């Protein structure tokens, strides 16, 4: 696996590896992907696959899979932190394919927060939960 060098922004402002002016750090793995996502716009999300391909030394398809897995984990963590969804995280994982949502994040169609909104609205509209889940009924 290759590394991703982050250099001080004052010496080379046009350096393609310069991210947010951090001092000469070599980033690998998840830290490199986290750095690529700093202040990223939805429109630029799809371009990250090329950088991931460079960092890991893999083809574009495998970089896309790495990127999807990254967002799948982030969405699952957001679900666990959500006041509404955290009690239902195992149910969500059993009934919903979160990787489909993360693939939409990777292509820049939606954001991770939009994924949470989709999951919350889906749960609210699911008839079985409308009857049984007191948390959902509370937030209506």
Protein backbone atom coordinates (compact mmCIF):
# COMPACT_ATOMS: atom_id res chain seq x y z
CA UNK A 1 0.00 0.00 0.00
CA UNK A 2 1.32 3.43 -0.93
CA UNK A 3 1.24 6.40 1.40
CA UNK A 4 -0.09 9.90 1.00
CA UNK A 5 2.27 12.75 1.92
CA UNK A 6 0.77 15.90 3.34
CA UNK A 7 3.16 18.87 3.25
CA UNK A 8 3.16 22.33 4.78
CA UNK A 9 1.03 24.69 2.66
CA UNK A 10 3.42 27.65 2.95
CA UNK A 11 6.24 26.13 0.88
CA UNK A 12 4.29 24.75 -2.09
CA UNK A 13 0.76 26.06 -2.47
CA UNK A 14 0.12 24.29 -5.79
CA UNK A 15 1.29 20.88 -4.63
CA UNK A 16 -1.40 18.30 -5.45
CA UNK A 17 -0.56 16.38 -2.27
CA UNK A 18 -0.95 19.44 -0.05
CA UNK A 19 -4.12 19.07 1.99
CA UNK A 20 -5.21 21.75 4.47
CA UNK A 21 -1.68 22.95 5.23
CA UNK A 22 -0.71 20.16 7.62
CA UNK A 23 2.98 19.70 8.36
CA UNK A 24 4.87 16.93 6.51
CA UNK A 25 2.86 13.89 7.56
CA UNK A 26 2.68 10.62 5.70
CA UNK A 27 -0.85 9.30 5.90
CA UNK A 28 -1.95 5.77 5.16
CA UNK A 29 -5.22 3.90 5.12
CA UNK A 30 -8.28 5.47 6.70
CA UNK A 31 -6.36 8.59 7.79
CA UNK A 32 -5.48 9.35 4.19
CA UNK A 33 -9.10 8.92 3.11
CA UNK A 34 -10.27 11.08 6.03
CA UNK A 35 -7.87 13.81 4.90
CA UNK A 36 -9.14 13.60 1.34
CA UNK A 37 -12.66 14.17 2.68
CA UNK A 38 -11.76 17.31 4.66
CA UNK A 39 -14.02 20.12 3.42
CA UNK A 40 -15.09 18.10 0.37
CA UNK A 41 -18.13 19.18 -1.59
CA UNK A 42 -20.77 16.77 -2.81
CA UNK A 43 -19.75 17.51 -6.41
CA UNK A 44 -16.08 16.58 -5.76
CA UNK A 45 -16.89 13.36 -3.90
CA UNK A 46 -16.71 11.24 -7.06
CA UNK A 47 -13.17 12.48 -7.83
CA UNK A 48 -11.79 10.97 -4.63
CA UNK A 49 -11.69 7.50 -6.22
CA UNK A 50 -8.75 8.60 -8.35
CA UNK A 51 -6.78 9.70 -5.28
CA UNK A 52 -7.67 6.48 -3.45
CA UNK A 53 -6.43 4.56 -6.48
CA UNK A 54 -3.09 6.40 -6.22
CA UNK A 55 -2.80 5.96 -2.44
CA UNK A 56 -3.51 2.22 -2.42
CA UNK A 57 -2.01 1.43 -5.82
CA UNK A 58 -5.21 -0.24 -7.06
CA UNK A 59 -7.41 0.10 -10.12
CA UNK A 60 -10.42 2.41 -10.22
CA UNK A 61 -13.00 -0.30 -9.47
CA UNK A 62 -11.20 -1.42 -6.33
CA UNK A 63 -10.74 2.22 -5.27
CA UNK A 64 -14.49 2.69 -5.70
CA UNK A 65 -15.11 -0.34 -3.46
CA UNK A 66 -12.72 1.02 -0.80
CA UNK A 67 -14.50 4.37 -0.98
CA UNK A 68 -17.94 2.71 -0.66
CA UNK A 69 -16.79 0.68 2.36
CA UNK A 70 -15.46 3.88 3.94
CA UNK A 71 -18.85 5.59 3.61
CA UNK A 72 -20.75 2.46 4.71
CA UNK A 73 -18.80 2.47 7.98
CA UNK A 74 -19.36 6.21 8.42
CA UNK A 75 -23.11 5.84 7.82
CA UNK A 76 -23.29 2.96 10.32
CA UNK A 77 -21.47 5.12 12.87
CA UNK A 78 -23.90 7.99 12.22
CA UNK A 79 -26.80 5.58 12.76
CA UNK A 80 -25.33 4.53 16.11
CA UNK A 81 -24.97 8.20 17.13
CA UNK A 82 -28.50 9.12 16.01
CA UNK A 83 -31.01 9.56 18.83
CA UNK A 84 -33.78 8.16 16.66
CA UNK A 85 -31.98 5.27 14.96
CA UNK A 86 -29.42 4.00 17.47
CA UNK A 87 -31.85 1.54 19.11
CA UNK A 88 -32.71 0.14 15.68
CA UNK A 89 -29.22 -0.21 14.21
CA UNK A 90 -29.35 -4.02 14.08
CA UNK A 91 -32.80 -3.91 12.46
CA UNK A 92 -31.57 -1.42 9.89
CA UNK A 93 -28.60 -3.61 9.04
CA UNK A 94 -30.90 -6.62 8.59
CA UNK A 95 -33.53 -4.93 6.44
CA UNK A 96 -31.65 -2.23 4.54
CA UNK A 97 -28.65 -2.42 2.27
CA UNK A 98 -26.66 0.56 3.50
CA UNK A 99 -24.05 -0.06 0.78
CA UNK A 100 -26.60 1.13 -1.80
CA UNK A 101 -26.85 4.43 0.04
CA UNK A 102 -23.07 4.67 0.38
CA UNK A 103 -22.69 4.10 -3.38
CA UNK A 104 -24.88 7.17 -3.91
CA UNK A 105 -22.64 9.15 -1.55
CA UNK A 106 -19.55 8.03 -3.48
CA UNK A 107 -21.03 9.30 -6.75
CA UNK A 108 -21.98 12.61 -5.14
CA UNK A 109 -25.73 12.11 -5.54
CA UNK A 110 -26.45 12.45 -1.81
CA UNK A 111 -24.59 13.18 1.43
CA UNK A 112 -24.19 10.98 4.49
CA UNK A 113 -26.67 13.13 6.39
CA UNK A 114 -29.18 12.62 3.60
CA UNK A 115 -28.74 8.87 4.13
CA UNK A 116 -29.80 9.32 7.76
CA UNK A 117 -32.85 11.27 6.65
CA UNK A 118 -33.75 8.52 4.18
CA UNK A 119 -33.42 5.83 6.86
CA UNK A 120 -35.46 7.83 9.39
CA UNK A 121 -38.24 8.51 6.88
CA UNK A 122 -38.28 4.89 5.76
CA UNK A 123 -38.61 3.69 9.34
CA UNK A 124 -41.31 6.28 10.10
CA UNK A 125 -43.32 5.16 7.09
CA UNK A 126 -42.96 1.44 7.74
CA UNK A 127 -46.33 0.30 9.15
CA UNK A 128 -44.89 -2.28 11.53
CA UNK A 129 -42.80 0.37 13.26
CA UNK A 130 -45.64 2.86 13.32
CA UNK A 131 -47.47 0.55 15.69
CA UNK A 132 -44.64 -0.88 17.78
CA UNK A 133 -41.94 1.75 18.10
CA UNK A 134 -42.62 4.35 20.77
CA UNK A 135 -39.52 6.37 19.75
CA UNK A 136 -40.79 6.94 16.22
CA UNK A 137 -44.26 7.81 17.46
CA UNK A 138 -42.73 10.34 19.85
CA UNK A 139 -40.95 12.19 17.02
CA UNK A 140 -44.02 12.49 14.77
